[in-house]
Amino acid sequence: MIKRVHYSPEVKWKAVNMKLAGHSTCEIMKVLGIKNDTQIETWMKWYRQGETHRFHQPLGKQYTYNKGIDELSEVERLTLRIKQLEMHNEVLGKLNGILGKPPKGIS
């Protein structure tokens, strides 16, 4: 039987931030102790599709229970949205520092 590994939302966000900053998948795996490279690609897909609420769901719950953002209480939904916006701001700040200017469409 294969043992599944659970990564905290913080690790998932760090992996996404590192990937956006240009780090290789192998480097991210070594630094964060991630066992499978496809896991990072899955998190990046969720990030690109705006499904970052999935970072906070327990292991195996994404598909079996269909528990998405709509089924959370208003407080849980707002808390997740705040965390998501804080992370987006952090990423934009890093990109701004790297590029020296805000990305197109951001003022």
PDB file of N, CA and C in Angstrom:
ATOM      1  N   MET A   1       0.841  -1.186   0.000  1.00  0.00           N
ATOM      2  CA  MET A   1       0.000   0.000   0.000  1.00  0.00           C
ATOM      3  C   MET A   1       0.883   1.246   0.000  1.00  0.00           C
ATOM      4  N   ILE A   2       0.555   2.196  -0.851  1.00  0.00           N
ATOM      5  CA  ILE A   2       1.309   3.429  -0.956  1.00  0.00           C
ATOM      6  C   ILE A   2       0.794   4.416   0.084  1.00  0.00           C
ATOM      7  N   LYS A   3       1.730   4.978   0.842  1.00  0.00           N
ATOM      8  CA  LYS A   3       1.354   5.967   1.845  1.00  0.00           C
ATOM      9  C   LYS A   3       1.305   7.346   1.177  1.00  0.00           C
ATOM     10  N   ARG A   4       0.193   8.027   1.337  1.00  0.00           N
ATOM     11  CA  ARG A   4       0.030   9.346   0.760  1.00  0.00           C
ATOM     12  C   ARG A   4       0.607  10.395   1.703  1.00  0.00           C
ATOM     13  N   VAL A   5       1.206  11.401   1.125  1.00  0.00           N
ATOM     14  CA  VAL A   5       1.846  12.461   1.900  1.00  0.00           C
ATOM     15  C   VAL A   5       0.963  13.705   1.847  1.00  0.00           C
ATOM     16  N   HIS A   6       0.767  14.335   2.998  1.00  0.00           N
ATOM     17  CA  HIS A   6      -0.006  15.576   3.066  1.00  0.00           C
ATOM     18  C   HIS A   6       0.961  16.741   3.263  1.00  0.00           C
ATOM     19  N   TYR A   7       0.820  17.751   2.445  1.00  0.00           N
ATOM     20  CA  TYR A   7       1.629  18.959   2.563  1.00  0.00           C
ATOM     21  C   TYR A   7       0.741  20.094   3.060  1.00  0.00           C
ATOM     22  N   SER A   8       1.276  20.920   3.926  1.00  0.00           N
ATOM     23  CA  SER A   8       0.505  22.031   4.483  1.00  0.00           C
ATOM     24  C   SER A   8       0.267  23.090   3.397  1.00  0.00           C
ATOM     25  N   PRO A   9      -0.751  23.929   3.587  1.00  0.00           N
ATOM     26  CA  PRO A   9      -0.981  25.012   2.624  1.00  0.00           C
ATOM     27  C   PRO A   9       0.239  25.925   2.481  1.00  0.00           C
ATOM     28  N   GLU A  10       0.983  26.111   3.564  1.00  0.00           N
ATOM     29  CA  GLU A  10       2.166  26.968   3.507  1.00  0.00           C
ATOM     30  C   GLU A  10       3.217  26.399   2.556  1.00  0.00           C
ATOM     31  N   VAL A  11       3.417  25.077   2.589  1.00  0.00           N
ATOM     32  CA  VAL A  11       4.375  24.426   1.694  1.00  0.00           C
ATOM     33  C   VAL A  11       3.907  24.570   0.246  1.00  0.00           C
ATOM     34  N   LYS A  12       2.618  24.415   0.031  1.00  0.00           N
ATOM     35  CA  LYS A  12       2.067  24.537  -1.323  1.00  0.00           C
ATOM     36  C   LYS A  12       2.283  25.950  -1.859  1.00  0.00           C
ATOM     37  N   TRP A  13       2.025  26.963  -1.022  1.00  0.00           N
ATOM     38  CA  TRP A  13       2.239  28.345  -1.443  1.00  0.00           C
ATOM     39  C   TRP A  13       3.713  28.627  -1.679  1.00  0.00           C
ATOM     40  N   LYS A  14       4.592  28.088  -0.826  1.00  0.00           N
ATOM     41  CA  LYS A  14       6.035  28.282  -1.030  1.00  0.00           C
ATOM     42  C   LYS A  14       6.473  27.684  -2.355  1.00  0.00           C
ATOM     43  N   ALA A  15       5.959  26.499  -2.679  1.00  0.00           N
ATOM     44  CA  ALA A  15       6.300  25.848  -3.947  1.00  0.00           C
ATOM     45  C   ALA A  15       5.839  26.710  -5.125  1.00  0.00           C
ATOM     46  N   VAL A  16       4.628  27.224  -5.060  1.00  0.00           N
ATOM     47  CA  VAL A  16       4.108  28.079  -6.130  1.00  0.00           C
ATOM     48  C   VAL A  16       4.955  29.340  -6.255  1.00  0.00           C
ATOM     49  N   ASN A  17       5.264  29.975  -5.123  1.00  0.00           N
ATOM     50  CA  ASN A  17       6.071  31.197  -5.149  1.00  0.00           C
ATOM     51  C   ASN A  17       7.455  30.937  -5.723  1.00  0.00           C
ATOM     52  N   MET A  18       8.059  29.813  -5.332  1.00  0.00           N
ATOM     53  CA  MET A  18       9.392  29.484  -5.843  1.00  0.00           C
ATOM     54  C   MET A  18       9.340  29.228  -7.351  1.00  0.00           C
ATOM     55  N   LYS A  19       8.309  28.541  -7.814  1.00  0.00           N
ATOM     56  CA  LYS A  19       8.165  28.252  -9.245  1.00  0.00           C
ATOM     57  C   LYS A  19       7.975  29.556 -10.016  1.00  0.00           C
ATOM     58  N   LEU A  20       7.162  30.465  -9.486  1.00  0.00           N
ATOM     59  CA  LEU A  20       6.943  31.756 -10.139  1.00  0.00           C
ATOM     60  C   LEU A  20       8.212  32.599 -10.161  1.00  0.00           C
ATOM     61  N   ALA A  21       9.072  32.396  -9.166  1.00  0.00           N
ATOM     62  CA  ALA A  21      10.326  33.141  -9.092  1.00  0.00           C
ATOM     63  C   ALA A  21      11.394  32.538 -10.007  1.00  0.00           C
ATOM     64  N   GLY A  22      11.060  31.425 -10.677  1.00  0.00           N
ATOM     65  CA  GLY A  22      11.989  30.852 -11.639  1.00  0.00           C
ATOM     66  C   GLY A  22      12.810  29.670 -11.160  1.00  0.00           C
ATOM     67  N   HIS A  23      12.543  29.172  -9.962  1.00  0.00           N
ATOM     68  CA  HIS A  23      13.271  28.011  -9.458  1.00  0.00           C
ATOM     69  C   HIS A  23      12.831  26.755 -10.214  1.00  0.00           C
ATOM     70  N   SER A  24      13.759  25.821 -10.379  1.00  0.00           N
ATOM     71  CA  SER A  24      13.431  24.575 -11.067  1.00  0.00           C
ATOM     72  C   SER A  24      12.606  23.674 -10.146  1.00  0.00           C
ATOM     73  N   THR A  25      11.886  22.747 -10.758  1.00  0.00           N
ATOM     74  CA  THR A  25      11.068  21.804  -9.998  1.00  0.00           C
ATOM     75  C   THR A  25      11.957  20.954  -9.087  1.00  0.00           C
ATOM     76  N   CYS A  26      13.111  20.519  -9.598  1.00  0.00           N
ATOM     77  CA  CYS A  26      14.036  19.706  -8.779  1.00  0.00           C
ATOM     78  C   CYS A  26      14.508  20.472  -7.556  1.00  0.00           C
ATOM     79  N   GLU A  27      14.821  21.745  -7.731  1.00  0.00           N
ATOM     80  CA  GLU A  27      15.277  22.575  -6.613  1.00  0.00           C
ATOM     81  C   GLU A  27      14.171  22.733  -5.563  1.00  0.00           C
ATOM     82  N   ILE A  28      12.956  22.962  -6.019  1.00  0.00           N
ATOM     83  CA  ILE A  28      11.818  23.111  -5.109  1.00  0.00           C
ATOM     84  C   ILE A  28      11.612  21.819  -4.322  1.00  0.00           C
ATOM     85  N   MET A  29      11.707  20.691  -5.015  1.00  0.00           N
ATOM     86  CA  MET A  29      11.531  19.395  -4.349  1.00  0.00           C
ATOM     87  C   MET A  29      12.567  19.197  -3.255  1.00  0.00           C
ATOM     88  N   LYS A  30      13.810  19.551  -3.523  1.00  0.00           N
ATOM     89  CA  LYS A  30      14.882  19.385  -2.531  1.00  0.00           C
ATOM     90  C   LYS A  30      14.678  20.303  -1.332  1.00  0.00           C
ATOM     91  N   VAL A  31      14.376  21.574  -1.605  1.00  0.00           N
ATOM     92  CA  VAL A  31      14.249  22.566  -0.536  1.00  0.00           C
ATOM     93  C   VAL A  31      13.058  22.267   0.370  1.00  0.00           C
ATOM     94  N   LEU A  32      11.931  21.892  -0.231  1.00  0.00           N
ATOM     95  CA  LEU A  32      10.706  21.704   0.541  1.00  0.00           C
ATOM     96  C   LEU A  32      10.423  20.252   0.913  1.00  0.00           C
ATOM     97  N   GLY A  33      11.244  19.316   0.433  1.00  0.00           N
ATOM     98  CA  GLY A  33      11.054  17.905   0.767  1.00  0.00           C
ATOM     99  C   GLY A  33       9.839  17.276   0.097  1.00  0.00           C
ATOM    100  N   ILE A  34       9.554  17.704  -1.113  1.00  0.00           N
ATOM    101  CA  ILE A  34       8.407  17.170  -1.861  1.00  0.00           C
ATOM    102  C   ILE A  34       8.881  15.938  -2.624  1.00  0.00           C
ATOM    103  N   LYS A  35       8.116  14.871  -2.554  1.00  0.00           N
ATOM    104  CA  LYS A  35       8.536  13.583  -3.104  1.00  0.00           C
ATOM    105  C   LYS A  35       8.253  13.410  -4.592  1.00  0.00           C
ATOM    106  N   ASN A  36       7.247  14.097  -5.138  1.00  0.00           N
ATOM    107  CA  ASN A  36       6.819  13.852  -6.505  1.00  0.00           C
ATOM    108  C   ASN A  36       6.719  15.162  -7.277  1.00  0.00           C
ATOM    109  N   ASP A  37       7.360  15.227  -8.438  1.00  0.00           N
ATOM    110  CA  ASP A  37       7.355  16.461  -9.220  1.00  0.00           C
ATOM    111  C   ASP A  37       5.974  16.817  -9.774  1.00  0.00           C
ATOM    112  N   THR A  38       5.133  15.820  -9.999  1.00  0.00           N
ATOM    113  CA  THR A  38       3.793  16.122 -10.515  1.00  0.00           C
ATOM    114  C   THR A  38       2.942  16.849  -9.483  1.00  0.00           C
ATOM    115  N   GLN A  39       3.282  16.722  -8.217  1.00  0.00           N
ATOM    116  CA  GLN A  39       2.544  17.430  -7.174  1.00  0.00           C
ATOM    117  C   GLN A  39       2.691  18.935  -7.355  1.00  0.00           C
ATOM    118  N   ILE A  40       3.902  19.376  -7.656  1.00  0.00           N
ATOM    119  CA  ILE A  40       4.153  20.806  -7.864  1.00  0.00           C
ATOM    120  C   ILE A  40       3.371  21.294  -9.086  1.00  0.00           C
ATOM    121  N   GLU A  41       3.353  20.491 -10.146  1.00  0.00           N
ATOM    122  CA  GLU A  41       2.606  20.872 -11.340  1.00  0.00           C
ATOM    123  C   GLU A  41       1.103  20.967 -11.047  1.00  0.00           C
ATOM    124  N   THR A  42       0.597  20.086 -10.207  1.00  0.00           N
ATOM    125  CA  THR A  42      -0.820  20.136  -9.820  1.00  0.00           C
ATOM    126  C   THR A  42      -1.111  21.438  -9.080  1.00  0.00           C
ATOM    127  N   TRP A  43      -0.247  21.796  -8.137  1.00  0.00           N
ATOM    128  CA  TRP A  43      -0.451  23.040  -7.383  1.00  0.00           C
ATOM    129  C   TRP A  43      -0.375  24.253  -8.306  1.00  0.00           C
ATOM    130  N   MET A  44       0.533  24.225  -9.266  1.00  0.00           N
ATOM    131  CA  MET A  44       0.635  25.332 -10.217  1.00  0.00           C
ATOM    132  C   MET A  44      -0.639  25.417 -11.062  1.00  0.00           C
ATOM    133  N   LYS A  45      -1.189  24.277 -11.459  1.00  0.00           N
ATOM    134  CA  LYS A  45      -2.429  24.258 -12.231  1.00  0.00           C
ATOM    135  C   LYS A  45      -3.565  24.870 -11.412  1.00  0.00           C
ATOM    136  N   TRP A  46      -3.658  24.473 -10.140  1.00  0.00           N
ATOM    137  CA  TRP A  46      -4.692  25.035  -9.267  1.00  0.00           C
ATOM    138  C   TRP A  46      -4.517  26.542  -9.145  1.00  0.00           C
ATOM    139  N   TYR A  47      -3.263  26.988  -8.992  1.00  0.00           N
ATOM    140  CA  TYR A  47      -2.976  28.418  -8.865  1.00  0.00           C
ATOM    141  C   TYR A  47      -3.413  29.162 -10.125  1.00  0.00           C
ATOM    142  N   ARG A  48      -3.028  28.654 -11.302  1.00  0.00           N
ATOM    143  CA  ARG A  48      -3.370  29.303 -12.572  1.00  0.00           C
ATOM    144  C   ARG A  48      -4.878  29.330 -12.812  1.00  0.00           C
ATOM    145  N   GLN A  49      -5.593  28.320 -12.347  1.00  0.00           N
ATOM    146  CA  GLN A  49      -7.037  28.244 -12.550  1.00  0.00           C
ATOM    147  C   GLN A  49      -7.825  28.940 -11.442  1.00  0.00           C
ATOM    148  N   GLY A  50      -7.123  29.558 -10.488  1.00  0.00           N
ATOM    149  CA  GLY A  50      -7.808  30.270  -9.409  1.00  0.00           C
ATOM    150  C   GLY A  50      -8.460  29.355  -8.391  1.00  0.00           C
ATOM    151  N   GLU A  51      -7.970  28.124  -8.277  1.00  0.00           N
ATOM    152  CA  GLU A  51      -8.538  27.149  -7.335  1.00  0.00           C
ATOM    153  C   GLU A  51      -7.651  26.983  -6.102  1.00  0.00           C
ATOM    154  N   THR A  52      -7.126  28.096  -5.606  1.00  0.00           N
ATOM    155  CA  THR A  52      -6.213  28.016  -4.468  1.00  0.00           C
ATOM    156  C   THR A  52      -6.907  27.596  -3.179  1.00  0.00           C
ATOM    157  N   HIS A  53      -8.247  27.588  -3.161  1.00  0.00           N
ATOM    158  CA  HIS A  53      -8.949  27.076  -1.983  1.00  0.00           C
ATOM    159  C   HIS A  53      -8.604  25.600  -1.781  1.00  0.00           C
ATOM    160  N   ARG A  54      -8.208  24.919  -2.850  1.00  0.00           N
ATOM    161  CA  ARG A  54      -7.862  23.501  -2.756  1.00  0.00           C
ATOM    162  C   ARG A  54      -6.602  23.285  -1.914  1.00  0.00           C
ATOM    163  N   PHE A  55      -5.767  24.309  -1.768  1.00  0.00           N
ATOM    164  CA  PHE A  55      -4.555  24.182  -0.947  1.00  0.00           C
ATOM    165  C   PHE A  55      -4.912  23.867   0.506  1.00  0.00           C
ATOM    166  N   HIS A  56      -6.092  24.263   0.932  1.00  0.00           N
ATOM    167  CA  HIS A  56      -6.496  24.123   2.331  1.00  0.00           C
ATOM    168  C   HIS A  56      -7.359  22.891   2.598  1.00  0.00           C
ATOM    169  N   GLN A  57      -7.694  22.131   1.569  1.00  0.00           N
ATOM    170  CA  GLN A  57      -8.538  20.966   1.773  1.00  0.00           C
ATOM    171  C   GLN A  57      -7.716  19.780   2.264  1.00  0.00           C
ATOM    172  N   PRO A  58      -8.307  18.944   3.107  1.00  0.00           N
ATOM    173  CA  PRO A  58      -7.588  17.770   3.612  1.00  0.00           C
ATOM    174  C   PRO A  58      -7.311  16.756   2.498  1.00  0.00           C
ATOM    175  N   LEU A  59      -6.396  15.889   2.754  1.00  0.00           N
ATOM    176  CA  LEU A  59      -5.982  14.863   1.809  1.00  0.00           C
ATOM    177  C   LEU A  59      -7.174  14.049   1.320  1.00  0.00           C
ATOM    178  N   GLY A  60      -7.327  13.940   0.005  1.00  0.00           N
ATOM    179  CA  GLY A  60      -8.373  13.117  -0.584  1.00  0.00           C
ATOM    180  C   GLY A  60      -9.746  13.754  -0.656  1.00  0.00           C
ATOM    181  N   LYS A  61      -9.943  14.912  -0.083  1.00  0.00           N
ATOM    182  CA  LYS A  61     -11.276  15.518  -0.027  1.00  0.00           C
ATOM    183  C   LYS A  61     -11.645  16.260  -1.310  1.00  0.00           C
ATOM    184  N   GLN A  62     -10.672  16.599  -2.146  1.00  0.00           N
ATOM    185  CA  GLN A  62     -10.967  17.390  -3.330  1.00  0.00           C
ATOM    186  C   GLN A  62     -11.963  16.695  -4.247  1.00  0.00           C
ATOM    187  N   TYR A  63     -11.844  15.386  -4.388  1.00  0.00           N
ATOM    188  CA  TYR A  63     -12.663  14.693  -5.358  1.00  0.00           C
ATOM    189  C   TYR A  63     -13.792  13.889  -4.699  1.00  0.00           C
ATOM    190  N   THR A  64     -13.506  13.237  -3.577  1.00  0.00           N
ATOM    191  CA  THR A  64     -14.489  12.331  -3.000  1.00  0.00           C
ATOM    192  C   THR A  64     -15.694  13.050  -2.415  1.00  0.00           C
ATOM    193  N   TYR A  65     -15.503  14.214  -1.867  1.00  0.00           N
ATOM    194  CA  TYR A  65     -16.617  14.902  -1.236  1.00  0.00           C
ATOM    195  C   TYR A  65     -17.081  16.139  -2.002  1.00  0.00           C
ATOM    196  N   ASN A  66     -16.382  16.481  -3.067  1.00  0.00           N
ATOM    197  CA  ASN A  66     -16.717  17.678  -3.849  1.00  0.00           C
ATOM    198  C   ASN A  66     -16.873  18.914  -2.979  1.00  0.00           C
ATOM    199  N   LYS A  67     -16.095  19.014  -1.936  1.00  0.00           N
ATOM    200  CA  LYS A  67     -16.202  20.164  -1.051  1.00  0.00           C
ATOM    201  C   LYS A  67     -15.368  21.300  -1.612  1.00  0.00           C
ATOM    202  N   GLY A  68     -16.044  22.265  -2.150  1.00  0.00           N
ATOM    203  CA  GLY A  68     -15.378  23.422  -2.722  1.00  0.00           C
ATOM    204  C   GLY A  68     -15.663  24.660  -1.900  1.00  0.00           C
ATOM    205  N   ILE A  69     -15.281  25.768  -2.437  1.00  0.00           N
ATOM    206  CA  ILE A  69     -15.418  27.048  -1.748  1.00  0.00           C
ATOM    207  C   ILE A  69     -16.878  27.373  -1.436  1.00  0.00           C
ATOM    208  N   ASP A  70     -17.823  26.901  -2.262  1.00  0.00           N
ATOM    209  CA  ASP A  70     -19.239  27.212  -2.055  1.00  0.00           C
ATOM    210  C   ASP A  70     -19.828  26.560  -0.809  1.00  0.00           C
ATOM    211  N   GLU A  71     -19.222  25.473  -0.342  1.00  0.00           N
ATOM    212  CA  GLU A  71     -19.767  24.746   0.799  1.00  0.00           C
ATOM    213  C   GLU A  71     -19.182  25.197   2.139  1.00  0.00           C
ATOM    214  N   LEU A  72     -18.289  26.166   2.111  1.00  0.00           N
ATOM    215  CA  LEU A  72     -17.706  26.675   3.346  1.00  0.00           C
ATOM    216  C   LEU A  72     -18.599  27.766   3.925  1.00  0.00           C
ATOM    217  N   SER A  73     -18.459  28.000   5.234  1.00  0.00           N
ATOM    218  CA  SER A  73     -19.207  29.097   5.844  1.00  0.00           C
ATOM    219  C   SER A  73     -18.653  30.425   5.331  1.00  0.00           C
ATOM    220  N   GLU A  74     -19.388  31.484   5.532  1.00  0.00           N
ATOM    221  CA  GLU A  74     -18.948  32.795   5.045  1.00  0.00           C
ATOM    222  C   GLU A  74     -17.626  33.208   5.690  1.00  0.00           C
ATOM    223  N   VAL A  75     -17.466  32.943   6.985  1.00  0.00           N
ATOM    224  CA  VAL A  75     -16.221  33.290   7.679  1.00  0.00           C
ATOM    225  C   VAL A  75     -15.046  32.496   7.097  1.00  0.00           C
ATOM    226  N   GLU A  76     -15.246  31.183   6.880  1.00  0.00           N
ATOM    227  CA  GLU A  76     -14.182  30.353   6.296  1.00  0.00           C
ATOM    228  C   GLU A  76     -13.838  30.831   4.887  1.00  0.00           C
ATOM    229  N   ARG A  77     -14.859  31.177   4.120  1.00  0.00           N
ATOM    230  CA  ARG A  77     -14.650  31.646   2.758  1.00  0.00           C
ATOM    231  C   ARG A  77     -13.867  32.960   2.748  1.00  0.00           C
ATOM    232  N   LEU A  78     -14.239  33.882   3.632  1.00  0.00           N
ATOM    233  CA  LEU A  78     -13.554  35.174   3.699  1.00  0.00           C
ATOM    234  C   LEU A  78     -12.125  35.015   4.216  1.00  0.00           C
ATOM    235  N   THR A  79     -11.921  34.116   5.171  1.00  0.00           N
ATOM    236  CA  THR A  79     -10.578  33.861   5.681  1.00  0.00           C
ATOM    237  C   THR A  79      -9.679  33.310   4.577  1.00  0.00           C
ATOM    238  N   LEU A  80     -10.205  32.369   3.807  1.00  0.00           N
ATOM    239  CA  LEU A  80      -9.435  31.817   2.688  1.00  0.00           C
ATOM    240  C   LEU A  80      -9.157  32.886   1.639  1.00  0.00           C
ATOM    241  N   ARG A  81     -10.135  33.736   1.388  1.00  0.00           N
ATOM    242  CA  ARG A  81      -9.946  34.801   0.390  1.00  0.00           C
ATOM    243  C   ARG A  81      -8.870  35.779   0.844  1.00  0.00           C
ATOM    244  N   ILE A  82      -8.840  36.108   2.125  1.00  0.00           N
ATOM    245  CA  ILE A  82      -7.805  36.998   2.653  1.00  0.00           C
ATOM    246  C   ILE A  82      -6.432  36.366   2.472  1.00  0.00           C
ATOM    247  N   LYS A  83      -6.304  35.092   2.829  1.00  0.00           N
ATOM    248  CA  LYS A  83      -5.020  34.395   2.657  1.00  0.00           C
ATOM    249  C   LYS A  83      -4.607  34.382   1.194  1.00  0.00           C
ATOM    250  N   GLN A  84      -5.578  34.124   0.317  1.00  0.00           N
ATOM    251  CA  GLN A  84      -5.290  34.079  -1.112  1.00  0.00           C
ATOM    252  C   GLN A  84      -4.800  35.443  -1.605  1.00  0.00           C
ATOM    253  N   LEU A  85      -5.467  36.502  -1.223  1.00  0.00           N
ATOM    254  CA  LEU A  85      -5.077  37.841  -1.655  1.00  0.00           C
ATOM    255  C   LEU A  85      -3.724  38.252  -1.084  1.00  0.00           C
ATOM    256  N   GLU A  86      -3.442  37.855   0.165  1.00  0.00           N
ATOM    257  CA  GLU A  86      -2.130  38.142   0.744  1.00  0.00           C
ATOM    258  C   GLU A  86      -1.029  37.461  -0.052  1.00  0.00           C
ATOM    259  N   MET A  87      -1.264  36.212  -0.451  1.00  0.00           N
ATOM    260  CA  MET A  87      -0.268  35.489  -1.227  1.00  0.00           C
ATOM    261  C   MET A  87      -0.110  36.107  -2.624  1.00  0.00           C
ATOM    262  N   HIS A  88      -1.203  36.516  -3.242  1.00  0.00           N
ATOM    263  CA  HIS A  88      -1.125  37.161  -4.547  1.00  0.00           C
ATOM    264  C   HIS A  88      -0.335  38.461  -4.447  1.00  0.00           C
ATOM    265  N   ASN A  89      -0.580  39.236  -3.392  1.00  0.00           N
ATOM    266  CA  ASN A  89       0.163  40.478  -3.185  1.00  0.00           C
ATOM    267  C   ASN A  89       1.643  40.203  -3.000  1.00  0.00           C
ATOM    268  N   GLU A  90       1.966  39.146  -2.262  1.00  0.00           N
ATOM    269  CA  GLU A  90       3.365  38.785  -2.053  1.00  0.00           C
ATOM    270  C   GLU A  90       4.031  38.413  -3.377  1.00  0.00           C
ATOM    271  N   VAL A  91       3.330  37.641  -4.193  1.00  0.00           N
ATOM    272  CA  VAL A  91       3.873  37.238  -5.504  1.00  0.00           C
ATOM    273  C   VAL A  91       4.058  38.469  -6.388  1.00  0.00           C
ATOM    274  N   LEU A  92       3.063  39.356  -6.420  1.00  0.00           N
ATOM    275  CA  LEU A  92       3.176  40.560  -7.237  1.00  0.00           C
ATOM    276  C   LEU A  92       4.327  41.441  -6.756  1.00  0.00           C
ATOM    277  N   GLY A  93       4.515  41.522  -5.448  1.00  0.00           N
ATOM    278  CA  GLY A  93       5.632  42.290  -4.910  1.00  0.00           C
ATOM    279  C   GLY A  93       6.968  41.722  -5.351  1.00  0.00           C
ATOM    280  N   LYS A  94       7.081  40.392  -5.337  1.00  0.00           N
ATOM    281  CA  LYS A  94       8.321  39.757  -5.781  1.00  0.00           C
ATOM    282  C   LYS A  94       8.545  39.985  -7.270  1.00  0.00           C
ATOM    283  N   LEU A  95       7.483  39.855  -8.060  1.00  0.00           N
ATOM    284  CA  LEU A  95       7.611  40.109  -9.496  1.00  0.00           C
ATOM    285  C   LEU A  95       7.988  41.557  -9.762  1.00  0.00           C
ATOM    286  N   ASN A  96       7.417  42.463  -9.010  1.00  0.00           N
ATOM    287  CA  ASN A  96       7.731  43.878  -9.146  1.00  0.00           C
ATOM    288  C   ASN A  96       9.208  44.110  -8.857  1.00  0.00           C
ATOM    289  N   GLY A  97       9.726  43.445  -7.827  1.00  0.00           N
ATOM    290  CA  GLY A  97      11.138  43.576  -7.495  1.00  0.00           C
ATOM    291  C   GLY A  97      12.034  42.988  -8.568  1.00  0.00           C
ATOM    292  N   ILE A  98      11.621  41.884  -9.163  1.00  0.00           N
ATOM    293  CA  ILE A  98      12.408  41.238 -10.205  1.00  0.00           C
ATOM    294  C   ILE A  98      12.374  42.052 -11.503  1.00  0.00           C
ATOM    295  N   LEU A  99      11.192  42.491 -11.889  1.00  0.00           N
ATOM    296  CA  LEU A  99      11.023  43.193 -13.151  1.00  0.00           C
ATOM    297  C   LEU A  99      11.332  44.689 -13.041  1.00  0.00           C
ATOM    298  N   GLY A 100      11.220  45.224 -11.844  1.00  0.00           N
ATOM    299  CA  GLY A 100      11.447  46.652 -11.654  1.00  0.00           C
ATOM    300  C   GLY A 100      10.238  47.499 -12.004  1.00  0.00           C
ATOM    301  N   LYS A 101       9.149  46.857 -12.375  1.00  0.00           N
ATOM    302  CA  LYS A 101       7.932  47.588 -12.706  1.00  0.00           C
ATOM    303  C   LYS A 101       6.758  46.648 -12.496  1.00  0.00           C
ATOM    304  N   PRO A 102       5.541  47.177 -12.288  1.00  0.00           N
ATOM    305  CA  PRO A 102       4.388  46.293 -12.118  1.00  0.00           C
ATOM    306  C   PRO A 102       4.072  45.574 -13.419  1.00  0.00           C
ATOM    307  N   PRO A 103       3.537  44.331 -13.324  1.00  0.00           N
ATOM    308  CA  PRO A 103       3.125  43.602 -14.515  1.00  0.00           C
ATOM    309  C   PRO A 103       2.021  44.355 -15.256  1.00  0.00           C
ATOM    310  N   LYS A 104       1.872  44.072 -16.561  1.00  0.00           N
ATOM    311  CA  LYS A 104       0.836  44.727 -17.373  1.00  0.00           C
ATOM    312  C   LYS A 104      -0.533  44.557 -16.731  1.00  0.00           C
ATOM    313  N   GLY A 105      -1.330  45.599 -16.762  1.00  0.00           N
ATOM    314  CA  GLY A 105      -2.683  45.543 -16.242  1.00  0.00           C
ATOM    315  C   GLY A 105      -2.771  45.811 -14.756  1.00  0.00           C
ATOM    316  N   ILE A 106      -1.630  45.911 -14.078  1.00  0.00           N
ATOM    317  CA  ILE A 106      -1.604  46.177 -12.631  1.00  0.00           C
ATOM    318  C   ILE A 106      -1.074  47.582 -12.454  1.00  0.00           C
ATOM    319  N   SER A 107      -1.783  48.386 -11.696  1.00  0.00           N
ATOM    320  CA  SER A 107      -1.301  49.761 -11.478  1.00  0.00           C
ATOM    321  C   SER A 107      -1.052  50.020 -10.031  1.00  0.00           C
TER     322      SER A 107
END
